Amino acid sequence: MEKIKCFGIIGGDKRQLYCACGLAADGFDVILCGFDRSEDPPELPSRDPESTISESDALILPVPVSRDGKTVFSPLSYENIDLRYCLELCGKDKPVFFGVYGKAEPSVFEGHRAYCYGSRNDFAAANAVPTAEGAIMTAVSESTRCITLSPCLVTGYGRIGRVLAFMLRGMGADVTVSARKSEDLELIRAAGMKAVHTANITGRYDFIFNTVPAMVLDRDTLSRCAAGLVIDLASPPGGVDDKAAEELSVRVIHALSLPGKTAPESAGDIIKKTVYNIIREEDI
């Protein structure tokens, strides 16, 4: 990483601020842009987009990179920062690291040295832990019931579903996990939890945690369940039929970007480490 001496960080939430602090602690120069609303900004230089990009060797954009397809996701800024303009200033040679696209068109990155850290397996695997912890925190804070001894359903046995199910089981919950693959169903049983095929979900659950980015909790499925609270962790449009849930008096909470809300320091460290991995692999 000898080629990069200074990182410019434009936009994002507290995750990016903690990422910036981590980079600075590792000896890099860091310039911030888009954090003028931050209540407790780190003692790092802050510039406008033009200066941030011109003075840095590489740029780190947030997760997601854009919520409207036009501007950089900047919830801690009073200003709108144009995404295309930033990329034009970067030119074709400056490395740009960014999270998931959000509403940004992938074509906006064409012709640039752009690397999506949010789509990598190492990033997703590391983020499963703060996401699962955040889901449990949300359930506890939004319910009048304890997790311990409560019947809980986790839909999906991917990275997040697997970590979440083990955490719930460790807390003493009565855990059922749904999956479609027979291999996953056997692994769930082998781990000491109840398994059900996703097409056959039924029963009474105090908590349902959806991790599947597809419509798994549709009207038919919800009508077969007695659910106290549904926590939907899937990206929009999610995995729950909201209209059916409302008509069936099932409470649904769409819990998105949990790492940035419940564990921003850990999430920022994950971004930093993933960027380091890309730099080493791509010899940047």
C-alpha atoms as a PDB file:
ATOM      1  CA  MET A   1       0.000   0.000   0.000  1.00  0.00           C
ATOM      2  CA  GLU A   2       2.982   2.256  -0.501  1.00  0.00           C
ATOM      3  CA  LYS A   3       1.276   3.971  -3.455  1.00  0.00           C
ATOM      4  CA  ILE A   4      -1.497   5.369  -1.275  1.00  0.00           C
ATOM      5  CA  LYS A   5      -0.539   7.963   1.307  1.00  0.00           C
ATOM      6  CA  CYS A   6      -3.837   9.826   1.637  1.00  0.00           C
ATOM      7  CA  PHE A   7      -7.465   8.645   1.569  1.00  0.00           C
ATOM      8  CA  GLY A   8     -10.357  10.955   0.768  1.00  0.00           C
ATOM      9  CA  ILE A   9     -13.652   9.927   2.368  1.00  0.00           C
ATOM     10  CA  ILE A  10     -16.764  11.479   0.882  1.00  0.00           C
ATOM     11  CA  GLY A  11     -20.188  10.959   2.410  1.00  0.00           C
ATOM     12  CA  GLY A  12     -21.625   8.231   4.565  1.00  0.00           C
ATOM     13  CA  ASP A  13     -22.716   7.811   8.163  1.00  0.00           C
ATOM     14  CA  LYS A  14     -20.793   7.083  11.360  1.00  0.00           C
ATOM     15  CA  ARG A  15     -19.293   3.968   9.768  1.00  0.00           C
ATOM     16  CA  GLN A  16     -17.248   6.144   7.452  1.00  0.00           C
ATOM     17  CA  LEU A  17     -16.103   8.363  10.304  1.00  0.00           C
ATOM     18  CA  TYR A  18     -14.839   5.366  12.271  1.00  0.00           C
ATOM     19  CA  CYS A  19     -13.236   4.040   9.097  1.00  0.00           C
ATOM     20  CA  ALA A  20     -11.471   7.402   8.733  1.00  0.00           C
ATOM     21  CA  CYS A  21     -10.230   7.261  12.318  1.00  0.00           C
ATOM     22  CA  GLY A  22      -8.940   3.736  11.757  1.00  0.00           C
ATOM     23  CA  LEU A  23      -7.065   4.759   8.626  1.00  0.00           C
ATOM     24  CA  ALA A  24      -5.529   7.706  10.436  1.00  0.00           C
ATOM     25  CA  ALA A  25      -4.504   5.468  13.348  1.00  0.00           C
ATOM     26  CA  ASP A  26      -2.744   3.218  10.827  1.00  0.00           C
ATOM     27  CA  GLY A  27      -0.659   6.166   9.657  1.00  0.00           C
ATOM     28  CA  PHE A  28      -2.535   7.353   6.572  1.00  0.00           C
ATOM     29  CA  ASP A  29      -3.498  10.936   5.879  1.00  0.00           C
ATOM     30  CA  VAL A  30      -7.285  11.276   5.699  1.00  0.00           C
ATOM     31  CA  ILE A  31      -9.448  14.076   4.303  1.00  0.00           C
ATOM     32  CA  LEU A  32     -13.177  14.211   5.044  1.00  0.00           C
ATOM     33  CA  CYS A  33     -16.000  15.634   2.952  1.00  0.00           C
ATOM     34  CA  GLY A  34     -19.717  15.604   3.733  1.00  0.00           C
ATOM     35  CA  PHE A  35     -19.755  15.492   7.524  1.00  0.00           C
ATOM     36  CA  ASP A  36     -20.618  19.088   8.434  1.00  0.00           C
ATOM     37  CA  ARG A  37     -23.695  17.902  10.370  1.00  0.00           C
ATOM     38  CA  SER A  38     -21.757  15.441  12.497  1.00  0.00           C
ATOM     39  CA  GLU A  39     -22.187  16.124  16.220  1.00  0.00           C
ATOM     40  CA  ASP A  40     -18.746  14.819  17.134  1.00  0.00           C
ATOM     41  CA  PRO A  41     -16.489  14.896  14.052  1.00  0.00           C
ATOM     42  CA  PRO A  42     -12.973  13.471  14.385  1.00  0.00           C
ATOM     43  CA  GLU A  43     -10.033  15.859  14.378  1.00  0.00           C
ATOM     44  CA  LEU A  44      -9.269  15.317  10.715  1.00  0.00           C
ATOM     45  CA  PRO A  45      -9.113  17.892   7.897  1.00  0.00           C
ATOM     46  CA  SER A  46     -12.377  18.586   6.119  1.00  0.00           C
ATOM     47  CA  ARG A  47     -12.556  19.889   2.560  1.00  0.00           C
ATOM     48  CA  ASP A  48     -14.976  20.440  -0.311  1.00  0.00           C
ATOM     49  CA  PRO A  49     -15.302  17.646  -2.905  1.00  0.00           C
ATOM     50  CA  GLU A  50     -12.826  19.246  -5.298  1.00  0.00           C
ATOM     51  CA  SER A  51     -10.068  19.616  -2.711  1.00  0.00           C
ATOM     52  CA  THR A  52     -10.755  16.249  -1.123  1.00  0.00           C
ATOM     53  CA  ILE A  53     -10.322  14.459  -4.428  1.00  0.00           C
ATOM     54  CA  SER A  54      -7.367  16.483  -5.696  1.00  0.00           C
ATOM     55  CA  GLU A  55      -5.405  16.071  -2.448  1.00  0.00           C
ATOM     56  CA  SER A  56      -6.046  12.338  -1.969  1.00  0.00           C
ATOM     57  CA  ASP A  57      -4.553   9.254  -3.638  1.00  0.00           C
ATOM     58  CA  ALA A  58      -7.699   7.135  -3.309  1.00  0.00           C
ATOM     59  CA  LEU A  59     -11.368   7.783  -2.582  1.00  0.00           C
ATOM     60  CA  ILE A  60     -13.738   5.854  -0.300  1.00  0.00           C
ATOM     61  CA  LEU A  61     -17.471   6.267  -0.916  1.00  0.00           C
ATOM     62  CA  PRO A  62     -20.212   5.055   1.464  1.00  0.00           C
ATOM     63  CA  VAL A  63     -22.653   2.178   1.910  1.00  0.00           C
ATOM     64  CA  PRO A  64     -24.844   2.616  -0.076  1.00  0.00           C
ATOM     65  CA  VAL A  65     -23.096   4.896  -2.514  1.00  0.00           C
ATOM     66  CA  SER A  66     -26.375   6.680  -3.317  1.00  0.00           C
ATOM     67  CA  ARG A  67     -29.978   6.657  -2.122  1.00  0.00           C
ATOM     68  CA  ASP A  68     -31.381   8.709  -4.997  1.00  0.00           C
ATOM     69  CA  GLY A  69     -29.177   7.722  -7.936  1.00  0.00           C
ATOM     70  CA  LYS A  70     -27.731  11.227  -8.252  1.00  0.00           C
ATOM     71  CA  THR A  71     -26.016  12.288  -5.045  1.00  0.00           C
ATOM     72  CA  VAL A  72     -23.590  10.571  -2.705  1.00  0.00           C
ATOM     73  CA  PHE A  73     -25.339   9.185   0.369  1.00  0.00           C
ATOM     74  CA  SER A  74     -24.456  11.890   2.920  1.00  0.00           C
ATOM     75  CA  PRO A  75     -26.821  11.857   5.911  1.00  0.00           C
ATOM     76  CA  LEU A  76     -24.299  13.836   7.989  1.00  0.00           C
ATOM     77  CA  SER A  77     -24.053  16.726   5.527  1.00  0.00           C
ATOM     78  CA  TYR A  78     -26.189  19.766   4.759  1.00  0.00           C
ATOM     79  CA  GLU A  79     -24.938  19.737   1.171  1.00  0.00           C
ATOM     80  CA  ASN A  80     -25.859  17.501  -1.749  1.00  0.00           C
ATOM     81  CA  ILE A  81     -22.736  15.973  -3.278  1.00  0.00           C
ATOM     82  CA  ASP A  82     -23.080  15.046  -6.942  1.00  0.00           C
ATOM     83  CA  LEU A  83     -21.853  11.493  -7.564  1.00  0.00           C
ATOM     84  CA  ARG A  84     -21.044  11.865 -11.271  1.00  0.00           C
ATOM     85  CA  TYR A  85     -19.154  15.082 -10.632  1.00  0.00           C
ATOM     86  CA  CYS A  86     -17.004  13.373  -7.987  1.00  0.00           C
ATOM     87  CA  LEU A  87     -16.174  10.542 -10.371  1.00  0.00           C
ATOM     88  CA  GLU A  88     -15.316  13.005 -13.133  1.00  0.00           C
ATOM     89  CA  LEU A  89     -12.885  14.709 -10.770  1.00  0.00           C
ATOM     90  CA  CYS A  90     -11.298  11.334  -9.976  1.00  0.00           C
ATOM     91  CA  GLY A  91     -10.575  10.670 -13.622  1.00  0.00           C
ATOM     92  CA  LYS A  92      -9.646   7.219 -14.850  1.00  0.00           C
ATOM     93  CA  ASP A  93      -6.623   6.548 -12.657  1.00  0.00           C
ATOM     94  CA  LYS A  94      -7.556   7.379  -9.058  1.00  0.00           C
ATOM     95  CA  PRO A  95      -8.834   4.271  -7.184  1.00  0.00           C
ATOM     96  CA  VAL A  96     -12.410   4.588  -5.924  1.00  0.00           C
ATOM     97  CA  PHE A  97     -13.779   2.180  -3.299  1.00  0.00           C
ATOM     98  CA  PHE A  98     -17.520   2.127  -2.796  1.00  0.00           C
ATOM     99  CA  GLY A  99     -20.232   0.177  -0.983  1.00  0.00           C
ATOM    100  CA  VAL A 100     -23.349  -1.302  -2.530  1.00  0.00           C
ATOM    101  CA  TYR A 101     -24.867   0.653  -5.423  1.00  0.00           C
ATOM    102  CA  GLY A 102     -28.162   1.540  -3.774  1.00  0.00           C
ATOM    103  CA  LYS A 103     -29.988   3.610  -6.404  1.00  0.00           C
ATOM    104  CA  ALA A 104     -26.802   4.409  -8.337  1.00  0.00           C
ATOM    105  CA  GLU A 105     -26.550   2.994 -11.841  1.00  0.00           C
ATOM    106  CA  PRO A 106     -23.567   0.634 -12.211  1.00  0.00           C
ATOM    107  CA  SER A 107     -22.751   2.371 -15.490  1.00  0.00           C
ATOM    108  CA  VAL A 108     -21.735   5.515 -13.585  1.00  0.00           C
ATOM    109  CA  PHE A 109     -18.524   3.729 -12.566  1.00  0.00           C
ATOM    110  CA  GLU A 110     -17.608   2.582 -16.066  1.00  0.00           C
ATOM    111  CA  GLY A 111     -14.210   3.857 -17.163  1.00  0.00           C
ATOM    112  CA  HIS A 112     -13.041   4.379 -13.579  1.00  0.00           C
ATOM    113  CA  ARG A 113     -10.786   2.342 -11.296  1.00  0.00           C
ATOM    114  CA  ALA A 114     -13.763   1.475  -9.121  1.00  0.00           C
ATOM    115  CA  TYR A 115     -13.906  -1.359  -6.584  1.00  0.00           C
ATOM    116  CA  CYS A 116     -17.111  -2.381  -4.800  1.00  0.00           C
ATOM    117  CA  TYR A 117     -16.125  -3.438  -1.296  1.00  0.00           C
ATOM    118  CA  GLY A 118     -19.781  -3.959  -0.342  1.00  0.00           C
ATOM    119  CA  SER A 119     -20.250  -6.859  -2.777  1.00  0.00           C
ATOM    120  CA  ARG A 120     -17.307  -8.903  -1.495  1.00  0.00           C
ATOM    121  CA  ASN A 121     -17.665 -12.126   0.465  1.00  0.00           C
ATOM    122  CA  ASP A 122     -15.222 -11.017   3.168  1.00  0.00           C
ATOM    123  CA  PHE A 123     -17.230  -7.833   3.748  1.00  0.00           C
ATOM    124  CA  ALA A 124     -20.534  -9.716   3.887  1.00  0.00           C
ATOM    125  CA  ALA A 125     -19.189 -12.375   6.224  1.00  0.00           C
ATOM    126  CA  ALA A 126     -17.757  -9.827   8.648  1.00  0.00           C
ATOM    127  CA  ASN A 127     -20.944  -7.725   8.566  1.00  0.00           C
ATOM    128  CA  ALA A 128     -23.098 -10.725   9.500  1.00  0.00           C
ATOM    129  CA  VAL A 129     -22.110 -10.350  13.164  1.00  0.00           C
ATOM    130  CA  PRO A 130     -23.091  -6.678  13.725  1.00  0.00           C
ATOM    131  CA  THR A 131     -26.213  -7.246  11.606  1.00  0.00           C
ATOM    132  CA  ALA A 132     -27.302 -10.203  13.740  1.00  0.00           C
ATOM    133  CA  GLU A 133     -26.540  -8.360  16.970  1.00  0.00           C
ATOM    134  CA  GLY A 134     -28.455  -5.328  15.702  1.00  0.00           C
ATOM    135  CA  ALA A 135     -31.443  -7.512  14.804  1.00  0.00           C
ATOM    136  CA  ILE A 136     -31.566  -8.909  18.329  1.00  0.00           C
ATOM    137  CA  MET A 137     -31.183  -5.427  19.832  1.00  0.00           C
ATOM    138  CA  THR A 138     -34.084  -4.236  17.680  1.00  0.00           C
ATOM    139  CA  ALA A 139     -36.263  -7.174  18.730  1.00  0.00           C
ATOM    140  CA  VAL A 140     -35.572  -6.632  22.421  1.00  0.00           C
ATOM    141  CA  SER A 141     -36.173  -2.888  22.285  1.00  0.00           C
ATOM    142  CA  GLU A 142     -39.377  -3.202  20.255  1.00  0.00           C
ATOM    143  CA  SER A 143     -40.992  -6.032  22.212  1.00  0.00           C
ATOM    144  CA  THR A 144     -42.322  -6.589  25.713  1.00  0.00           C
ATOM    145  CA  ARG A 145     -41.068 -10.185  25.690  1.00  0.00           C
ATOM    146  CA  CYS A 146     -37.696 -11.757  26.434  1.00  0.00           C
ATOM    147  CA  ILE A 147     -35.764 -13.577  23.742  1.00  0.00           C
ATOM    148  CA  THR A 148     -34.942 -16.395  26.170  1.00  0.00           C
ATOM    149  CA  LEU A 149     -37.448 -19.276  25.891  1.00  0.00           C
ATOM    150  CA  SER A 150     -39.367 -17.422  23.178  1.00  0.00           C
ATOM    151  CA  PRO A 151     -40.180 -19.282  19.959  1.00  0.00           C
ATOM    152  CA  CYS A 152     -38.182 -17.593  17.187  1.00  0.00           C
ATOM    153  CA  LEU A 153     -38.134 -18.192  13.453  1.00  0.00           C
ATOM    154  CA  VAL A 154     -35.181 -17.239  11.257  1.00  0.00           C
ATOM    155  CA  THR A 155     -35.961 -17.366   7.545  1.00  0.00           C
ATOM    156  CA  GLY A 156     -32.895 -18.203   5.495  1.00  0.00           C
ATOM    157  CA  TYR A 157     -29.643 -19.930   6.414  1.00  0.00           C
ATOM    158  CA  GLY A 158     -27.132 -17.727   4.667  1.00  0.00           C
ATOM    159  CA  ARG A 159     -24.392 -15.784   6.427  1.00  0.00           C
ATOM    160  CA  ILE A 160     -26.682 -13.579   8.486  1.00  0.00           C
ATOM    161  CA  GLY A 161     -29.264 -16.272   9.128  1.00  0.00           C
ATOM    162  CA  ARG A 162     -26.631 -18.693  10.357  1.00  0.00           C
ATOM    163  CA  VAL A 163     -25.004 -16.232  12.750  1.00  0.00           C
ATOM    164  CA  LEU A 164     -28.361 -14.940  13.968  1.00  0.00           C
ATOM    165  CA  ALA A 165     -29.734 -18.424  14.625  1.00  0.00           C
ATOM    166  CA  PHE A 166     -26.697 -19.391  16.702  1.00  0.00           C
ATOM    167  CA  MET A 167     -26.886 -16.157  18.701  1.00  0.00           C
ATOM    168  CA  LEU A 168     -30.577 -16.702  19.448  1.00  0.00           C
ATOM    169  CA  ARG A 169     -29.933 -20.301  20.430  1.00  0.00           C
ATOM    170  CA  GLY A 170     -27.127 -19.133  22.720  1.00  0.00           C
ATOM    171  CA  MET A 171     -29.602 -16.803  24.435  1.00  0.00           C
ATOM    172  CA  GLY A 172     -31.890 -19.742  25.180  1.00  0.00           C
ATOM    173  CA  ALA A 173     -34.504 -19.070  22.499  1.00  0.00           C
ATOM    174  CA  ASP A 174     -36.548 -21.872  20.946  1.00  0.00           C
ATOM    175  CA  VAL A 175     -35.139 -21.489  17.430  1.00  0.00           C
ATOM    176  CA  THR A 176     -36.608 -22.686  14.144  1.00  0.00           C
ATOM    177  CA  VAL A 177     -34.802 -21.943  10.893  1.00  0.00           C
ATOM    178  CA  SER A 178     -36.312 -22.128   7.412  1.00  0.00           C
ATOM    179  CA  ALA A 179     -34.358 -23.016   4.284  1.00  0.00           C
ATOM    180  CA  ARG A 180     -34.980 -24.457   0.820  1.00  0.00           C
ATOM    181  CA  LYS A 181     -31.920 -26.646   0.310  1.00  0.00           C
ATOM    182  CA  SER A 182     -32.023 -30.093   1.885  1.00  0.00           C
ATOM    183  CA  GLU A 183     -28.356 -29.706   2.801  1.00  0.00           C
ATOM    184  CA  ASP A 184     -29.105 -26.578   4.825  1.00  0.00           C
ATOM    185  CA  LEU A 185     -32.051 -28.238   6.537  1.00  0.00           C
ATOM    186  CA  GLU A 186     -29.813 -31.091   7.661  1.00  0.00           C
ATOM    187  CA  LEU A 187     -27.148 -28.656   8.897  1.00  0.00           C
ATOM    188  CA  ILE A 188     -29.783 -26.788  10.893  1.00  0.00           C
ATOM    189  CA  ARG A 189     -30.915 -29.995  12.568  1.00  0.00           C
ATOM    190  CA  ALA A 190     -27.334 -31.049  13.195  1.00  0.00           C
ATOM    191  CA  ALA A 191     -26.794 -27.724  14.985  1.00  0.00           C
ATOM    192  CA  GLY A 192     -29.592 -28.617  17.406  1.00  0.00           C
ATOM    193  CA  MET A 193     -32.272 -26.337  15.972  1.00  0.00           C
ATOM    194  CA  LYS A 194     -35.624 -27.035  14.381  1.00  0.00           C
ATOM    195  CA  ALA A 195     -35.730 -26.937  10.595  1.00  0.00           C
ATOM    196  CA  VAL A 196     -38.611 -26.226   8.242  1.00  0.00           C
ATOM    197  CA  HIS A 197     -38.772 -25.883   4.489  1.00  0.00           C
ATOM    198  CA  THR A 198     -39.463 -22.283   3.520  1.00  0.00           C
ATOM    199  CA  ALA A 199     -42.559 -23.336   1.562  1.00  0.00           C
ATOM    200  CA  ASN A 200     -44.015 -24.998   4.663  1.00  0.00           C
ATOM    201  CA  ILE A 201     -43.549 -22.333   7.340  1.00  0.00           C
ATOM    202  CA  THR A 202     -46.218 -22.508  10.022  1.00  0.00           C
ATOM    203  CA  GLY A 203     -46.534 -22.181  13.783  1.00  0.00           C
ATOM    204  CA  ARG A 204     -46.556 -19.542  16.514  1.00  0.00           C
ATOM    205  CA  TYR A 205     -43.517 -17.330  16.941  1.00  0.00           C
ATOM    206  CA  ASP A 206     -42.901 -14.386  19.231  1.00  0.00           C
ATOM    207  CA  PHE A 207     -40.189 -13.188  16.844  1.00  0.00           C
ATOM    208  CA  ILE A 208     -39.619 -13.770  13.143  1.00  0.00           C
ATOM    209  CA  PHE A 209     -36.353 -12.585  11.588  1.00  0.00           C
ATOM    210  CA  ASN A 210     -36.311 -12.520   7.789  1.00  0.00           C
ATOM    211  CA  THR A 211     -32.906 -12.593   6.091  1.00  0.00           C
ATOM    212  CA  VAL A 212     -34.072 -13.599   2.613  1.00  0.00           C
ATOM    213  CA  PRO A 213     -34.139 -10.848  -0.083  1.00  0.00           C
ATOM    214  CA  ALA A 214     -37.258 -12.347  -1.679  1.00  0.00           C
ATOM    215  CA  MET A 215     -40.939 -12.536  -0.842  1.00  0.00           C
ATOM    216  CA  VAL A 216     -40.943 -15.432   1.639  1.00  0.00           C
ATOM    217  CA  LEU A 217     -43.430 -14.031   4.160  1.00  0.00           C
ATOM    218  CA  ASP A 218     -46.322 -13.539   1.763  1.00  0.00           C
ATOM    219  CA  ARG A 219     -50.021 -13.467   2.672  1.00  0.00           C
ATOM    220  CA  ASP A 220     -50.373 -17.249   2.606  1.00  0.00           C
ATOM    221  CA  THR A 221     -47.359 -17.809   4.845  1.00  0.00           C
ATOM    222  CA  LEU A 222     -48.291 -15.034   7.283  1.00  0.00           C
ATOM    223  CA  SER A 223     -51.824 -16.421   7.560  1.00  0.00           C
ATOM    224  CA  ARG A 224     -50.353 -19.742   8.728  1.00  0.00           C
ATOM    225  CA  CYS A 225     -48.237 -18.076  11.424  1.00  0.00           C
ATOM    226  CA  ALA A 226     -49.020 -16.333  14.675  1.00  0.00           C
ATOM    227  CA  ALA A 227     -46.251 -13.743  14.748  1.00  0.00           C
ATOM    228  CA  GLY A 228     -45.685 -11.282  17.557  1.00  0.00           C
ATOM    229  CA  LEU A 229     -43.061  -9.225  15.735  1.00  0.00           C
ATOM    230  CA  VAL A 230     -41.356  -9.530  12.339  1.00  0.00           C
ATOM    231  CA  ILE A 231     -37.888  -8.023  11.870  1.00  0.00           C
ATOM    232  CA  ASP A 232     -37.155  -7.761   8.140  1.00  0.00           C
ATOM    233  CA  LEU A 233     -33.412  -7.538   7.484  1.00  0.00           C
ATOM    234  CA  ALA A 234     -33.628  -7.912   3.706  1.00  0.00           C
ATOM    235  CA  SER A 235     -32.806  -5.074   1.333  1.00  0.00           C
ATOM    236  CA  PRO A 236     -35.768  -3.248  -0.289  1.00  0.00           C
ATOM    237  CA  PRO A 237     -38.350  -4.304  -1.239  1.00  0.00           C
ATOM    238  CA  GLY A 238     -37.742  -6.835   1.551  1.00  0.00           C
ATOM    239  CA  GLY A 239     -39.209 -10.260   2.110  1.00  0.00           C
ATOM    240  CA  VAL A 240     -42.534  -9.402   3.768  1.00  0.00           C
ATOM    241  CA  ASP A 241     -45.917  -8.602   2.232  1.00  0.00           C
ATOM    242  CA  ASP A 242     -46.501  -5.393   4.197  1.00  0.00           C
ATOM    243  CA  LYS A 243     -50.113  -4.976   3.112  1.00  0.00           C
ATOM    244  CA  ALA A 244     -50.990  -8.504   4.139  1.00  0.00           C
ATOM    245  CA  ALA A 245     -49.134  -8.090   7.420  1.00  0.00           C
ATOM    246  CA  GLU A 246     -51.123  -4.944   8.224  1.00  0.00           C
ATOM    247  CA  GLU A 247     -54.416  -6.638   7.418  1.00  0.00           C
ATOM    248  CA  LEU A 248     -53.433  -9.629   9.563  1.00  0.00           C
ATOM    249  CA  SER A 249     -52.311  -7.330  12.418  1.00  0.00           C
ATOM    250  CA  VAL A 250     -48.712  -8.513  12.186  1.00  0.00           C
ATOM    251  CA  ARG A 251     -46.202  -5.878  13.238  1.00  0.00           C
ATOM    252  CA  VAL A 252     -43.260  -5.521  10.851  1.00  0.00           C
ATOM    253  CA  ILE A 253     -40.066  -3.535  11.353  1.00  0.00           C
ATOM    254  CA  HIS A 254     -37.768  -3.040   8.363  1.00  0.00           C
ATOM    255  CA  ALA A 255     -34.339  -2.955   9.997  1.00  0.00           C
ATOM    256  CA  LEU A 256     -31.859  -1.795   7.347  1.00  0.00           C
ATOM    257  CA  SER A 257     -28.180  -0.810   7.611  1.00  0.00           C
ATOM    258  CA  LEU A 258     -28.010  -2.142  11.158  1.00  0.00           C
ATOM    259  CA  PRO A 259     -24.195  -2.196  11.403  1.00  0.00           C
ATOM    260  CA  GLY A 260     -24.109   1.550  10.813  1.00  0.00           C
ATOM    261  CA  LYS A 261     -26.780   2.157  13.456  1.00  0.00           C
ATOM    262  CA  THR A 262     -25.907  -0.263  16.237  1.00  0.00           C
ATOM    263  CA  ALA A 263     -22.175  -0.910  15.810  1.00  0.00           C
ATOM    264  CA  PRO A 264     -20.686   1.851  13.618  1.00  0.00           C
ATOM    265  CA  GLU A 265     -17.174   1.469  15.020  1.00  0.00           C
ATOM    266  CA  SER A 266     -17.034  -2.238  14.190  1.00  0.00           C
ATOM    267  CA  ALA A 267     -18.696  -1.574  10.818  1.00  0.00           C
ATOM    268  CA  GLY A 268     -16.142   1.123  10.015  1.00  0.00           C
ATOM    269  CA  ASP A 269     -13.315  -1.256  10.854  1.00  0.00           C
ATOM    270  CA  ILE A 270     -14.836  -3.823   8.493  1.00  0.00           C
ATOM    271  CA  ILE A 271     -14.865  -1.267   5.662  1.00  0.00           C
ATOM    272  CA  LYS A 272     -11.234  -0.379   6.351  1.00  0.00           C
ATOM    273  CA  LYS A 273     -10.082  -4.007   6.391  1.00  0.00           C
ATOM    274  CA  THR A 274     -11.996  -4.835   3.218  1.00  0.00           C
ATOM    275  CA  VAL A 275     -10.420  -1.872   1.420  1.00  0.00           C
ATOM    276  CA  TYR A 276      -7.001  -3.090   2.574  1.00  0.00           C
ATOM    277  CA  ASN A 277      -7.799  -6.559   1.184  1.00  0.00           C
ATOM    278  CA  ILE A 278      -8.717  -5.076  -2.205  1.00  0.00           C
ATOM    279  CA  ILE A 279      -5.544  -2.984  -2.296  1.00  0.00           C
ATOM    280  CA  ARG A 280      -3.388  -6.051  -1.618  1.00  0.00           C
ATOM    281  CA  GLU A 281      -5.223  -8.281  -4.081  1.00  0.00           C
ATOM    282  CA  GLU A 282      -5.247  -5.706  -6.878  1.00  0.00           C
ATOM    283  CA  ASP A 283      -1.751  -4.411  -6.096  1.00  0.00           C
ATOM    284  CA  ILE A 284      -3.033  -0.838  -5.943  1.00  0.00           C
END
